[in-house]
């Protein structure tokens, strides 16, 4: 089966993985507003796992879907179907890294305490080390096809270590970025 929209989202503070129009993984932890979390979605072979702060959430999904990335995808901070106001993220994202061909996390792990770097098979990296607003720090150097609403940088950071450029994208009530 082909699926163009691998989506994960939060509802009432709980994470869900929602590919092909159905919730496949339901988290077990309720997140609190105003707290930084490390979230990772990883597929190795046919096993897809969702991690929160390095601990697997919910069950492993036996994933046989063929994901197809269409025009103007991925969409970040939107529901993937479009950029309507009911689908925007109300929160912050720091150190967004997408890998293709590498399953970085296959079991519980310790989340990184420093900004992410571009590693093998990094497709997109919006990190604390990016050179400019919406700059992709991977070797691909992608630039957004569109930015709507009000995604903006701020100086908040999930890292205690000082000396990093704090590149945090904040969505307060609206906005989406499409690469």
Protein backbone atom coordinates (compact mmCIF):
# COMPACT_ATOMS: atom_id res chain seq x y z
CA UNK A 1 0.00 0.00 0.00
CA UNK A 2 1.27 3.48 -0.86
CA UNK A 3 0.96 6.24 1.72
CA UNK A 4 1.84 9.85 0.97
CA UNK A 5 1.26 11.23 4.44
CA UNK A 6 3.18 9.75 7.38
CA UNK A 7 1.88 11.92 10.22
CA UNK A 8 2.49 12.03 13.92
CA UNK A 9 0.61 14.39 16.20
CA UNK A 10 -0.33 15.16 19.78
CA UNK A 11 -3.85 15.25 21.17
CA UNK A 12 -4.48 16.10 24.83
CA UNK A 13 -0.70 15.80 25.32
CA UNK A 14 -0.48 12.20 24.02
CA UNK A 15 1.51 11.31 20.87
CA UNK A 16 -0.01 9.36 17.97
CA UNK A 17 1.40 7.96 14.75
CA UNK A 18 -1.21 8.23 11.99
CA UNK A 19 -0.17 6.86 8.59
CA UNK A 20 -2.71 5.96 5.88
CA UNK A 21 -5.65 7.49 7.74
CA UNK A 22 -5.46 5.37 10.92
CA UNK A 23 -3.78 5.69 14.32
CA UNK A 24 -1.13 2.93 14.35
CA UNK A 25 0.80 3.90 17.51
CA UNK A 26 -0.76 5.52 20.56
CA UNK A 27 1.59 6.99 23.15
CA UNK A 28 1.38 6.13 26.83
CA UNK A 29 2.74 9.37 28.36
CA UNK A 30 0.87 12.66 28.71
CA UNK A 31 3.16 15.58 27.91
CA UNK A 32 2.91 18.89 29.78
CA UNK A 33 2.77 22.32 28.22
CA UNK A 34 5.96 24.39 28.54
CA UNK A 35 8.29 21.36 28.77
CA UNK A 36 10.85 20.30 26.17
CA UNK A 37 10.56 16.72 24.88
CA UNK A 38 12.74 14.68 22.53
CA UNK A 39 10.46 12.91 20.02
CA UNK A 40 11.71 10.33 17.54
CA UNK A 41 9.82 8.25 14.99
CA UNK A 42 11.96 5.48 13.49
CA UNK A 43 11.40 2.71 10.98
CA UNK A 44 13.77 -0.23 10.64
CA UNK A 45 12.63 -2.72 8.01
CA UNK A 46 8.93 -3.15 8.77
CA UNK A 47 9.13 -2.05 12.42
CA UNK A 48 8.12 1.53 13.21
CA UNK A 49 8.58 2.84 16.75
CA UNK A 50 7.74 6.14 18.44
CA UNK A 51 10.01 7.39 21.23
CA UNK A 52 9.48 10.13 23.81
CA UNK A 53 12.61 11.21 25.71
CA UNK A 54 14.32 8.02 24.57
CA UNK A 55 11.61 5.60 25.77
CA UNK A 56 9.35 3.74 23.34
CA UNK A 57 5.74 4.89 23.41
CA UNK A 58 2.99 2.41 22.60
CA UNK A 59 3.55 -0.72 20.56
CA UNK A 60 5.76 -1.38 17.55
CA UNK A 61 3.82 -0.94 14.31
CA UNK A 62 4.41 -3.57 11.62
CA UNK A 63 4.81 -1.11 8.78
CA UNK A 64 4.61 -2.35 5.19
CA UNK A 65 3.58 1.02 3.73
CA UNK A 66 5.46 2.59 0.84
CA UNK A 67 5.83 6.27 1.74
CA UNK A 68 5.78 8.65 -1.19
CA UNK A 69 6.79 12.26 -0.70
CA UNK A 70 4.74 14.41 -3.04
CA UNK A 71 5.21 18.01 -4.12
CA UNK A 72 5.62 20.53 -1.31
CA UNK A 73 6.34 17.95 1.36
CA UNK A 74 7.27 17.46 4.13
CA UNK A 75 5.05 19.88 5.98
CA UNK A 76 6.25 20.83 9.43
CA UNK A 77 3.82 22.05 12.09
CA UNK A 78 0.79 21.23 10.00
CA UNK A 79 -1.40 18.18 9.64
CA UNK A 80 0.09 17.31 6.25
CA UNK A 81 -3.19 17.72 4.43
CA UNK A 82 -2.99 21.49 4.14
CA UNK A 83 -2.16 24.62 6.04
CA UNK A 84 -5.51 25.49 7.60
CA UNK A 85 -5.59 27.13 11.02
CA UNK A 86 -7.11 24.08 12.73
CA UNK A 87 -4.05 22.02 11.81
CA UNK A 88 -1.19 24.24 13.02
CA UNK A 89 1.13 23.39 15.87
CA UNK A 90 0.98 25.54 18.99
CA UNK A 91 4.49 25.01 20.32
CA UNK A 92 8.21 25.01 19.63
CA UNK A 93 10.52 22.82 17.58
CA UNK A 94 14.28 22.70 17.94
CA UNK A 95 16.72 20.39 16.15
CA UNK A 96 14.44 18.76 13.61
CA UNK A 97 16.36 16.04 11.78
CA UNK A 98 14.97 13.74 9.10
CA UNK A 99 16.93 10.67 8.02
CA UNK A 100 16.24 8.43 5.05
CA UNK A 101 17.90 5.02 4.99
CA UNK A 102 19.13 5.02 8.60
CA UNK A 103 17.11 3.78 11.58
CA UNK A 104 18.95 5.72 14.27
CA UNK A 105 16.86 4.53 17.22
CA UNK A 106 15.64 0.93 17.37
CA UNK A 107 15.50 0.55 21.16
CA UNK A 108 15.37 2.88 24.17
CA UNK A 109 18.20 5.46 24.20
CA UNK A 110 19.51 8.53 25.99
CA UNK A 111 18.40 11.68 24.12
CA UNK A 112 21.18 14.01 22.97
CA UNK A 113 22.13 16.84 25.33
CA UNK A 114 23.68 18.99 22.58
CA UNK A 115 22.35 20.25 19.24
CA UNK A 116 21.98 17.61 16.52
CA UNK A 117 24.44 17.39 13.66
CA UNK A 118 24.16 16.11 10.13
CA UNK A 119 24.95 12.39 10.12
CA UNK A 120 24.85 9.74 7.38
CA UNK A 121 21.59 9.87 5.42
CA UNK A 122 20.40 13.19 6.89
CA UNK A 123 17.80 14.57 4.49
CA UNK A 124 16.86 17.71 6.45
CA UNK A 125 18.29 19.36 9.55
CA UNK A 126 16.91 22.48 11.21
CA UNK A 127 19.22 22.76 14.19
CA UNK A 128 20.71 25.09 16.72
CA UNK A 129 23.73 25.13 14.42
CA UNK A 130 21.86 26.20 11.27
CA UNK A 131 23.34 29.34 9.81
CA UNK A 132 20.16 31.32 9.25
CA UNK A 133 16.40 31.27 9.72
CA UNK A 134 14.98 28.14 8.03
CA UNK A 135 18.46 27.11 6.84
CA UNK A 136 18.87 23.39 6.26
CA UNK A 137 22.15 22.33 7.90
CA UNK A 138 22.24 19.00 6.04
CA UNK A 139 24.37 18.59 2.94
CA UNK A 140 21.20 19.01 0.83
CA UNK A 141 20.81 22.70 1.70
CA UNK A 142 17.05 22.67 1.21
CA UNK A 143 15.18 25.94 1.37
CA UNK A 144 11.49 26.08 2.23
CA UNK A 145 9.06 26.10 -0.69
CA UNK A 146 6.62 28.04 1.48
CA UNK A 147 6.17 29.42 4.96
CA UNK A 148 2.73 30.56 6.01
CA UNK A 149 1.35 31.98 9.22
CA UNK A 150 3.79 33.12 11.86
CA UNK A 151 6.60 30.62 12.50
CA UNK A 152 9.42 32.64 14.04
CA UNK A 153 12.75 32.14 15.81
CA UNK A 154 13.23 32.79 19.48
CA UNK A 155 16.08 32.33 21.94
CA UNK A 156 14.56 29.50 23.96
CA UNK A 157 16.60 26.31 23.91
CA UNK A 158 16.22 22.73 25.16
CA UNK A 159 19.98 22.60 25.85
CA UNK A 160 21.61 23.52 29.13
CA UNK A 161 25.01 23.79 27.45
CA UNK A 162 25.83 27.40 26.60
CA UNK A 163 27.53 28.74 23.52
CA UNK A 164 25.07 27.41 20.94
CA UNK A 165 23.14 29.58 18.54
CA UNK A 166 19.59 29.06 19.72
CA UNK A 167 17.58 28.34 16.58
CA UNK A 168 14.13 27.48 17.89
CA UNK A 169 11.08 27.73 15.65
CA UNK A 170 8.02 28.90 17.54
CA UNK A 171 4.43 28.52 16.45
CA UNK A 172 2.10 30.38 18.78
CA UNK A 173 -1.22 30.08 16.99
CA UNK A 174 -0.43 29.69 13.33
CA UNK A 175 2.10 28.77 10.72
CA UNK A 176 3.50 25.98 8.64
CA UNK A 177 6.78 25.42 6.80
CA UNK A 178 6.85 23.35 3.62
CA UNK A 179 10.10 21.98 2.11
